Amino acid sequence: MPNIEKLLFKTGTSSSEISTDGKVIRKTIFFNNDLEENALKNGLKILLKYDPKSVLAPLEIIDSPKKDFKSLRRKLTYIQEIKRPWLYPQWITGQMLYDLANNILKQQEILVKNGLCLVDCRPENYWLASKPYSLVDLGSIKPLTSQNIESFRSDFSQYIFNPLLLEKYMNIPVSASFKGELYKFNILPMRLINSWFSKTISIQSIRDYINNFISQKVLNSSPEFIEFLYSSHTKKHSTPSKKLLKRISLIQSQLLKKVKPNLNHNSEWINYQNFHDDSYLKNKNKAINLFLSKINQSRKIVDLGSNLTTINNTRIDIRIDKDISVCRELYRESSENDITLLLDIAEALTQKNHMDFMGLNCNGYADAAIIMGLIHHIVIDSGLNVDALYYSLSLLFNDILLEFPLKNDPMVKTLMKKKNEFIDWSWEDLHYKTCKNWFNIIHKETLSETRFAIHLEKKND
């Protein structure tokens, strides 16, 4: 039976068609002229030659007949391997975005030297699960024109600079910026008072403000005036001077340095291990290693609410936390193929946002989880229903190592006092009875007088 291709839809450009059969992805791009098509082909060759790890090479490129009979436009189809896991911008950390931006600027520099350029710099165009991050959307490669450079500059502000600026000066995670689609709004850094102390940021802000002001005036003008501007515009297809290109590249590099995430800004969770005695931490690591030894090496494992407990454990593939400082530290200490994501785990488990929910196992990439020191924060502090907790976990994972603190645990007492409402917090009478609806208990390990860890195995349907 032949594979049935499924159409995929995304915003960004209407001049393309995307489909997949589950193993490969096929993208057809339409061009206005041969110049655009040659730019993509030559740009791909150049990146593969000078920075091969920064681009996902197609498995096949299919040249179509000279003209598509429907649109009378040139078209080209390329087929790529589907890379897993696919990480969405709504999950990433500021440091990831910063490193990606440096990769993009390096690609842009290589292309510009060869008379080409990237027309946009959106994180969704890149595979982010392994460093160095690689360009997947080859349609981003265009001829070097003033219009395309200006498009790239605009995207750099919206998708790179502004999210990093908001994280650095207002502590808004870049994942929240993408989740809230803040790039769709007119966010001007000039409104951030601290940014005025930087000449580079001020100049960039004023330029964005003027561009936005003029754009709005033009959009509200008469059709005749817009047609006049279009017909009198002569720079659209002109090639910018080397001096101007060098200046633009320098400015973007300077802007990126200004919004580099502050790795020295720590929260109380950075010192999490100092909250507990050595005996507890030793037993905790022993339980984790025992659990890991039972999981086949081919399977992927995620640590939810990881803090820094498993930071040096090479068996963990994905680490997820909602604390910016913790995620920065995890990312800084991670190896090339490690994944660090910033997600509100309790909120994601409600399944209100499907993308966040699937982010907890990277769309099925991981099927085993370590959940240590987290359940009381999810249920008591965040207020997630116990049934919702275990049911959601059963949809995500086959094996779980879960740490459970008893009612007399100091942290449980603190959270319950803070919540100031009745909460039934017992293992035998509540959690066990709920949990066994979806899981079998394989093993139980005592960690301290007030905590234990259990291995949960999902029941067969």
Protein backbone atom coordinates (compact mmCIF):
# COMPACT_ATOMS: atom_id res chain seq x y z
CA MET A 1 0.00 0.00 0.00
CA PRO A 2 1.59 3.36 -0.98
CA ASN A 3 2.35 5.98 1.66
CA ILE A 4 -0.31 8.66 1.85
CA GLU A 5 1.20 12.11 2.10
CA LYS A 6 -0.30 14.54 4.56
CA LEU A 7 -0.39 18.23 3.75
CA LEU A 8 1.17 20.54 6.33
CA PHE A 9 0.23 24.17 6.82
CA LYS A 10 2.24 27.05 8.27
CA THR A 11 2.40 30.78 7.95
CA GLY A 12 5.43 32.62 6.63
CA THR A 13 5.03 32.32 2.85
CA SER A 14 2.20 31.28 0.58
CA SER A 15 4.69 30.48 -2.21
CA SER A 16 5.31 26.95 -1.00
CA GLU A 17 3.60 23.61 -0.48
CA ILE A 18 4.62 21.16 2.27
CA SER A 19 3.68 17.51 2.74
CA THR A 20 4.98 14.48 4.63
CA ASP A 21 4.57 10.73 4.64
CA GLY A 22 5.84 10.46 8.21
CA LYS A 23 9.44 9.62 7.26
CA VAL A 24 10.44 12.47 4.99
CA ILE A 25 9.15 15.97 4.37
CA ARG A 26 8.62 17.30 0.86
CA LYS A 27 8.60 21.02 0.15
CA THR A 28 7.82 22.66 -3.17
CA ILE A 29 8.86 26.29 -3.62
CA PHE A 30 7.60 28.56 -6.38
CA PHE A 31 9.86 31.24 -7.85
CA ASN A 32 9.18 34.38 -9.82
CA ASN A 33 12.32 33.93 -11.91
CA ASP A 34 15.46 31.86 -12.46
CA LEU A 35 17.47 34.24 -10.26
CA GLU A 36 15.57 33.18 -7.14
CA GLU A 37 15.85 29.48 -7.95
CA ASN A 38 19.58 29.72 -8.63
CA ALA A 39 20.03 31.64 -5.36
CA LEU A 40 18.58 28.74 -3.38
CA LYS A 41 20.66 26.11 -5.20
CA ASN A 42 23.91 28.08 -5.01
CA GLY A 43 23.30 29.18 -1.42
CA LEU A 44 22.77 25.57 -0.36
CA LYS A 45 26.05 24.52 -2.03
CA ILE A 46 27.92 27.40 -0.38
CA LEU A 47 26.62 26.62 3.14
CA LEU A 48 27.35 22.92 2.70
CA LYS A 49 30.89 23.81 1.65
CA TYR A 50 31.79 26.42 4.29
CA ASP A 51 29.52 25.50 7.22
CA PRO A 52 28.08 22.03 6.46
CA LYS A 53 26.66 21.34 9.92
CA SER A 54 24.56 24.52 9.82
CA VAL A 55 22.14 23.25 7.17
CA LEU A 56 20.07 20.07 6.70
CA ALA A 57 21.11 18.77 3.30
CA PRO A 58 18.20 17.49 1.16
CA LEU A 59 18.00 13.80 0.35
CA GLU A 60 16.87 14.79 -3.14
CA ILE A 61 16.23 17.92 -5.18
CA ILE A 62 13.68 17.66 -7.98
CA ASP A 63 13.75 20.20 -10.80
CA SER A 64 10.31 20.65 -12.31
CA PRO A 65 9.59 21.53 -15.95
CA LYS A 66 10.68 25.01 -16.91
CA LYS A 67 7.28 26.46 -16.04
CA ASP A 68 4.45 25.25 -13.88
CA PHE A 69 1.40 25.15 -16.12
CA LYS A 70 -0.90 26.54 -13.42
CA SER A 71 1.07 29.56 -12.26
CA LEU A 72 3.63 30.04 -15.02
CA ARG A 73 6.27 30.20 -12.30
CA ARG A 74 9.44 28.22 -11.79
CA LYS A 75 9.25 25.64 -9.03
CA LEU A 76 11.60 23.31 -7.22
CA THR A 77 10.92 20.44 -4.81
CA TYR A 78 13.34 19.19 -2.18
CA ILE A 79 12.99 16.21 0.15
CA GLN A 80 14.52 16.10 3.62
CA GLU A 81 14.70 13.58 6.42
CA ILE A 82 12.28 14.38 9.24
CA LYS A 83 14.47 15.24 12.23
CA ARG A 84 13.30 14.27 15.70
CA PRO A 85 12.65 15.63 18.15
CA TRP A 86 11.41 18.88 16.67
CA LEU A 87 11.69 21.73 19.17
CA TYR A 88 9.32 24.65 18.87
CA PRO A 89 10.28 28.27 19.75
CA GLN A 90 7.62 28.13 22.48
CA TRP A 91 9.85 25.69 24.40
CA ILE A 92 13.35 27.13 24.00
CA THR A 93 15.58 29.07 26.40
CA GLY A 94 17.17 32.47 25.92
CA GLN A 95 20.64 30.96 25.65
CA MET A 96 19.43 28.64 22.89
CA LEU A 97 18.04 31.62 20.96
CA TYR A 98 21.26 33.55 21.51
CA ASP A 99 23.40 30.68 20.18
CA LEU A 100 21.04 30.22 17.24
CA ALA A 101 21.32 33.93 16.43
CA ASN A 102 25.10 33.65 16.28
CA ASN A 103 24.74 30.69 13.92
CA ILE A 104 22.36 32.67 11.72
CA LEU A 105 24.64 35.71 11.57
CA LYS A 106 27.52 33.42 10.58
CA GLN A 107 25.40 31.92 7.78
CA GLN A 108 24.39 35.40 6.65
CA GLU A 109 28.01 36.51 6.53
CA ILE A 110 28.95 33.51 4.36
CA LEU A 111 26.05 34.06 1.97
CA VAL A 112 26.56 37.83 1.65
CA LYS A 113 30.18 37.30 0.62
CA ASN A 114 28.83 35.23 -2.24
CA GLY A 115 26.11 37.63 -3.39
CA LEU A 116 23.27 35.92 -1.52
CA CYS A 117 21.47 36.31 1.81
CA LEU A 118 18.92 34.90 4.24
CA VAL A 119 15.61 36.72 3.98
CA ASP A 120 14.44 35.79 7.51
CA CYS A 121 15.81 34.40 10.76
CA ARG A 122 12.92 32.67 12.49
CA PRO A 123 13.76 29.90 15.01
CA GLU A 124 11.03 27.70 13.51
CA ASN A 125 13.16 27.40 10.35
CA TYR A 126 15.88 25.52 12.28
CA TRP A 127 16.29 22.10 13.87
CA LEU A 128 17.23 22.90 17.46
CA ALA A 129 17.65 19.49 19.08
CA SER A 130 21.37 19.20 18.37
CA LYS A 131 24.19 21.73 18.22
CA PRO A 132 25.12 23.37 15.95
CA TYR A 133 21.54 24.18 14.97
CA SER A 134 20.76 23.50 11.31
CA LEU A 135 18.68 25.38 8.75
CA VAL A 136 15.76 23.29 7.48
CA ASP A 137 13.72 25.84 5.52
CA LEU A 138 15.92 26.34 2.45
CA GLY A 139 13.44 28.84 1.03
CA SER A 140 15.05 31.39 3.34
CA ILE A 141 18.00 31.68 0.93
CA LYS A 142 17.46 34.54 -1.53
CA PRO A 143 19.40 36.85 -3.90
CA LEU A 144 21.27 39.70 -2.21
CA THR A 145 19.03 42.76 -2.63
CA SER A 146 18.27 45.77 -0.45
CA GLN A 147 14.71 44.54 0.06
CA ASN A 148 15.82 41.08 1.22
CA ILE A 149 18.43 42.56 3.59
CA GLU A 150 15.79 44.85 5.08
CA SER A 151 13.47 41.86 5.52
CA PHE A 152 16.21 40.02 7.38
CA ARG A 153 16.92 43.06 9.56
CA SER A 154 13.23 43.32 10.46
CA ASP A 155 13.05 39.60 11.34
CA PHE A 156 16.21 39.91 13.43
CA SER A 157 14.50 42.58 15.57
CA GLN A 158 11.21 40.68 15.90
CA TYR A 159 12.38 37.11 16.46
CA ILE A 160 15.84 37.49 17.98
CA PHE A 161 16.60 40.89 19.48
CA ASN A 162 13.25 41.77 21.09
CA PRO A 163 12.68 38.38 22.81
CA LEU A 164 16.23 38.40 24.20
CA LEU A 165 15.86 42.01 25.33
CA LEU A 166 12.61 41.24 27.17
CA GLU A 167 14.23 38.27 28.91
CA LYS A 168 17.33 40.18 29.93
CA TYR A 169 15.69 43.35 31.24
CA MET A 170 12.18 42.20 32.20
CA ASN A 171 12.78 38.52 33.02
CA ILE A 172 10.21 37.42 30.43
CA PRO A 173 11.45 34.07 29.04
CA VAL A 174 11.89 33.96 25.28
CA SER A 175 9.62 30.89 25.30
CA ALA A 176 6.86 33.11 26.75
CA SER A 177 7.48 35.71 24.03
CA PHE A 178 6.94 33.10 21.33
CA LYS A 179 4.07 31.46 23.20
CA GLY A 180 2.30 34.80 23.48
CA GLU A 181 3.26 35.63 19.88
CA LEU A 182 4.63 38.97 21.08
CA TYR A 183 6.50 39.28 17.78
CA LYS A 184 3.14 40.12 16.20
CA PHE A 185 2.86 43.27 18.27
CA ASN A 186 4.67 46.56 18.05
CA ILE A 187 7.15 46.02 20.89
CA LEU A 188 9.61 48.90 20.97
CA PRO A 189 12.67 48.58 23.21
CA MET A 190 12.77 52.38 23.47
CA ARG A 191 9.97 52.02 26.01
CA LEU A 192 12.31 50.17 28.31
CA ILE A 193 14.02 52.91 30.28
CA ASN A 194 17.20 50.94 30.91
CA SER A 195 17.77 50.47 27.21
CA TRP A 196 18.26 54.22 26.75
CA PHE A 197 21.64 53.94 28.43
CA SER A 198 22.86 51.99 25.40
CA LYS A 199 23.56 54.05 22.29
CA THR A 200 23.37 50.94 20.08
CA ILE A 201 19.97 49.88 21.42
CA SER A 202 18.61 53.45 21.28
CA ILE A 203 19.55 53.87 17.62
CA GLN A 204 17.98 50.50 16.79
CA SER A 205 14.81 51.40 18.72
CA ILE A 206 14.44 54.79 17.03
CA ARG A 207 14.89 53.19 13.61
CA ASP A 208 12.23 50.55 14.36
CA TYR A 209 9.89 53.27 15.62
CA ILE A 210 10.31 55.41 12.50
CA ASN A 211 9.89 52.40 10.18
CA ASN A 212 6.72 51.34 12.00
CA PHE A 213 5.33 54.89 11.98
CA ILE A 214 5.88 55.33 8.24
CA SER A 215 4.51 51.84 7.49
CA GLN A 216 1.30 52.58 9.36
CA LYS A 217 0.89 55.90 7.53
CA VAL A 218 1.42 54.22 4.16
CA LEU A 219 -1.06 51.43 4.96
CA ASN A 220 -3.68 54.07 5.81
CA SER A 221 -3.03 56.01 2.61
CA SER A 222 -5.06 55.90 -0.58
CA PRO A 223 -4.47 53.06 -3.09
CA GLU A 224 -3.29 55.63 -5.62
CA PHE A 225 -0.55 56.89 -3.29
CA ILE A 226 0.59 53.35 -2.51
CA GLU A 227 0.74 52.58 -6.23
CA PHE A 228 2.79 55.75 -6.76
CA LEU A 229 5.29 54.72 -4.07
CA TYR A 230 5.59 51.25 -5.55
CA SER A 231 6.14 52.50 -9.10
CA SER A 232 8.74 55.06 -7.97
CA HIS A 233 10.65 52.64 -5.75
CA THR A 234 13.95 51.92 -7.51
CA LYS A 235 15.97 50.26 -4.72
CA LYS A 236 13.87 47.11 -4.43
CA HIS A 237 16.17 44.95 -6.56
CA SER A 238 19.38 46.92 -6.14
CA THR A 239 22.45 45.37 -4.53
CA PRO A 240 23.50 47.19 -1.34
CA SER A 241 27.08 48.42 -1.11
CA LYS A 242 29.75 46.39 0.69
CA LYS A 243 30.21 49.24 3.14
CA LEU A 244 26.51 49.20 4.04
CA LEU A 245 26.44 45.40 4.37
CA LYS A 246 29.47 45.47 6.64
CA ARG A 247 27.85 48.14 8.81
CA ILE A 248 24.56 46.22 9.06
CA SER A 249 26.43 43.05 10.06
CA LEU A 250 28.44 44.96 12.69
CA ILE A 251 25.31 46.57 14.16
CA GLN A 252 23.49 43.24 14.42
CA SER A 253 26.49 41.63 16.13
CA GLN A 254 26.65 44.52 18.61
CA LEU A 255 22.92 44.31 19.29
CA LEU A 256 23.19 40.58 19.94
CA LYS A 257 25.96 41.14 22.49
CA LYS A 258 23.79 43.71 24.29
CA VAL A 259 21.02 41.18 24.90
CA LYS A 260 23.09 38.11 25.74
CA PRO A 261 21.29 36.27 28.59
CA ASN A 262 22.74 37.03 32.01
CA LEU A 263 24.09 33.71 33.26
CA ASN A 264 25.08 35.21 36.61
CA HIS A 265 21.52 36.05 37.64
CA ASN A 266 20.54 33.15 39.88
CA SER A 267 17.33 32.13 41.61
CA GLU A 268 16.97 30.16 44.84
CA TRP A 269 16.58 26.92 42.83
CA ILE A 270 20.20 27.11 41.67
CA ASN A 271 21.17 26.14 45.23
CA TYR A 272 18.50 23.43 45.48
CA GLN A 273 20.96 20.72 46.52
CA ASN A 274 22.01 22.81 49.52
CA PHE A 275 18.47 22.51 50.92
CA HIS A 276 18.89 18.80 51.68
CA ASP A 277 21.37 16.67 53.61
CA ASP A 278 23.98 14.48 51.97
CA SER A 279 22.27 11.23 52.93
CA TYR A 280 19.07 12.19 51.09
CA LEU A 281 20.98 13.32 47.99
CA LYS A 282 23.00 10.10 47.98
CA ASN A 283 19.84 7.96 48.18
CA LYS A 284 18.20 10.10 45.51
CA ASN A 285 21.06 9.59 43.06
CA LYS A 286 21.06 5.87 43.86
CA ALA A 287 17.34 5.63 43.04
CA ILE A 288 17.84 7.56 39.80
CA ASN A 289 20.71 5.34 38.68
CA LEU A 290 18.74 2.18 39.51
CA PHE A 291 15.82 3.44 37.44
CA LEU A 292 18.09 4.38 34.53
CA SER A 293 19.67 0.92 34.56
CA LYS A 294 16.25 -0.60 33.86
CA ILE A 295 15.57 1.60 30.82
CA ASN A 296 16.90 0.31 27.51
CA GLN A 297 19.72 2.43 26.08
CA SER A 298 17.72 3.04 22.90
CA ARG A 299 14.97 4.84 24.81
CA LYS A 300 15.01 8.57 25.54
CA ILE A 301 14.57 9.97 29.04
CA VAL A 302 13.31 13.36 30.20
CA ASP A 303 13.89 14.93 33.62
CA LEU A 304 10.89 17.07 34.56
CA GLY A 305 11.61 19.83 37.06
CA SER A 306 15.23 18.83 36.92
CA ASN A 307 16.82 21.67 38.93
CA LEU A 308 20.51 20.75 38.81
CA THR A 309 20.20 17.28 40.33
CA THR A 310 20.97 15.31 37.18
CA ILE A 311 23.10 17.92 35.44
CA ASN A 312 26.09 15.56 35.10
CA ASN A 313 24.12 12.41 34.28
CA THR A 314 24.81 11.62 30.61
CA ARG A 315 21.88 9.18 30.44
CA ILE A 316 19.35 12.03 30.61
CA ASP A 317 18.43 13.29 27.13
CA ILE A 318 16.01 16.14 27.93
CA ARG A 319 15.79 18.46 30.93
CA ILE A 320 12.74 20.66 31.50
CA ASP A 321 12.21 23.33 34.13
CA LYS A 322 10.27 26.59 34.39
CA ASP A 323 12.96 28.57 36.20
CA ILE A 324 14.99 30.79 33.84
CA SER A 325 18.17 30.65 35.91
CA VAL A 326 18.06 26.88 36.24
CA CYS A 327 17.51 26.45 32.50
CA ARG A 328 20.42 28.76 31.74
CA GLU A 329 22.69 26.72 33.99
CA LEU A 330 21.44 23.43 32.56
CA TYR A 331 22.02 24.68 29.03
CA ARG A 332 25.49 25.98 29.86
CA GLU A 333 26.52 22.59 31.26
CA SER A 334 24.81 20.52 28.56
CA SER A 335 26.61 18.51 25.90
CA GLU A 336 26.08 18.78 22.17
CA ASN A 337 23.03 16.50 21.95
CA ASP A 338 21.38 17.41 25.26
CA ILE A 339 18.07 19.29 25.15
CA THR A 340 17.06 21.93 27.69
CA LEU A 341 13.52 23.34 27.53
CA LEU A 342 11.74 26.01 29.55
CA LEU A 343 8.11 25.03 30.21
CA ASP A 344 5.59 25.46 33.01
CA ILE A 345 5.18 21.73 33.67
CA ALA A 346 2.06 21.99 35.82
CA GLU A 347 0.31 24.19 33.25
CA ALA A 348 1.39 21.89 30.41
CA LEU A 349 -0.09 18.85 32.20
CA THR A 350 -3.55 20.44 32.12
CA GLN A 351 -3.48 19.81 28.33
CA LYS A 352 -5.01 23.25 27.72
CA ASN A 353 -2.19 23.95 25.28
CA HIS A 354 -1.52 20.91 23.11
CA MET A 355 1.90 22.18 22.02
CA ASP A 356 3.12 22.60 25.61
CA PHE A 357 1.70 19.23 26.59
CA MET A 358 3.55 17.46 23.77
CA GLY A 359 6.64 19.44 24.67
CA LEU A 360 6.94 17.41 27.87
CA ASN A 361 8.09 14.39 25.85
CA CYS A 362 9.15 16.27 22.69
CA ASN A 363 6.28 14.89 20.61
CA GLY A 364 6.87 11.30 21.67
CA TYR A 365 10.66 11.40 21.39
CA ALA A 366 11.03 10.40 25.07
CA ASP A 367 8.88 7.72 26.72
CA ALA A 368 10.49 7.60 30.18
CA ALA A 369 10.60 10.34 32.81
CA ILE A 370 12.24 11.26 36.10
CA ILE A 371 10.02 13.42 38.31
CA MET A 372 11.92 14.17 41.51
CA GLY A 373 11.06 16.91 43.98
CA LEU A 374 8.21 18.19 41.82
CA ILE A 375 4.86 16.53 42.51
CA HIS A 376 4.08 18.61 45.64
CA HIS A 377 4.74 21.82 43.71
CA ILE A 378 2.45 20.68 40.88
CA VAL A 379 -0.45 19.51 43.06
CA ILE A 380 -0.27 21.79 46.11
CA ASP A 381 1.31 24.99 44.84
CA SER A 382 0.02 25.00 41.25
CA GLY A 383 -3.23 23.24 42.15
CA LEU A 384 -3.35 20.50 39.50
CA ASN A 385 -5.98 17.84 40.18
CA VAL A 386 -4.47 14.47 41.11
CA ASP A 387 -6.56 12.60 38.51
CA ALA A 388 -5.42 15.03 35.81
CA LEU A 389 -1.80 14.57 36.89
CA TYR A 390 -1.61 10.79 36.57
CA TYR A 391 -3.88 10.60 33.53
CA SER A 392 -1.77 13.16 31.66
CA LEU A 393 1.46 11.41 32.63
CA SER A 394 0.03 8.11 31.32
CA LEU A 395 -0.47 9.72 27.91
CA LEU A 396 3.15 10.81 27.81
CA PHE A 397 5.32 8.12 29.40
CA ASN A 398 5.62 4.34 29.77
CA ASP A 399 8.04 4.45 32.74
CA ILE A 400 8.34 7.09 35.45
CA LEU A 401 10.53 7.50 38.52
CA LEU A 402 8.38 9.57 40.87
CA GLU A 403 9.50 11.06 44.18
CA PHE A 404 6.73 11.44 46.76
CA PRO A 405 7.11 13.54 49.93
CA LEU A 406 4.88 12.60 52.88
CA LYS A 407 2.56 15.00 54.67
CA ASN A 408 5.12 15.64 57.43
CA ASP A 409 7.81 16.69 54.92
CA PRO A 410 8.96 20.29 55.68
CA MET A 411 8.41 21.44 52.08
CA VAL A 412 4.91 19.93 51.97
CA LYS A 413 4.06 21.66 55.26
CA THR A 414 5.35 24.97 53.92
CA LEU A 415 3.38 24.72 50.68
CA MET A 416 0.16 23.69 52.42
CA LYS A 417 0.47 26.54 54.90
CA LYS A 418 1.08 28.94 52.03
CA LYS A 419 -1.94 27.59 50.09
CA ASN A 420 -4.16 27.89 53.18
CA GLU A 421 -6.85 25.49 51.98
CA PHE A 422 -7.80 21.86 52.57
CA ILE A 423 -5.64 19.52 50.52
CA ASP A 424 -5.83 15.75 50.86
CA TRP A 425 -2.18 14.75 50.75
CA SER A 426 -1.76 11.06 51.38
CA TRP A 427 -0.13 8.31 49.37
CA GLU A 428 -2.25 5.30 50.34
CA ASP A 429 -5.67 6.96 50.40
CA LEU A 430 -5.36 9.27 47.40
CA HIS A 431 -2.31 9.15 45.17
CA TYR A 432 -1.88 5.38 45.13
CA LYS A 433 -5.57 4.75 44.44
CA THR A 434 -5.52 7.28 41.59
CA CYS A 435 -2.15 6.31 40.19
CA LYS A 436 -2.97 2.57 39.94
CA ASN A 437 -5.73 3.34 37.42
CA TRP A 438 -3.01 3.87 34.83
CA PHE A 439 0.25 2.54 36.33
CA ASN A 440 1.72 -0.50 38.05
CA ILE A 441 4.23 0.07 40.86
CA ILE A 442 7.42 -1.82 40.06
CA HIS A 443 9.75 -0.73 42.85
CA LYS A 444 9.83 1.51 45.92
CA GLU A 445 12.99 3.14 47.33
CA THR A 446 13.24 5.05 50.63
CA LEU A 447 15.08 8.37 50.26
CA SER A 448 14.62 9.86 53.75
CA GLU A 449 12.24 9.75 56.70
CA THR A 450 9.73 11.86 54.77
CA ARG A 451 10.34 10.90 51.13
CA PHE A 452 10.39 7.85 48.89
CA ALA A 453 10.69 7.17 45.15
CA ILE A 454 8.61 4.73 43.11
CA HIS A 455 9.01 3.26 39.65
CA LEU A 456 5.70 3.52 37.79
CA GLU A 457 5.13 1.38 34.71
CA LYS A 458 2.22 2.21 32.46
CA LYS A 459 -0.46 -0.50 32.27
CA ASN A 460 -1.15 -2.10 28.91
CA ASP A 461 -4.36 -0.91 27.29
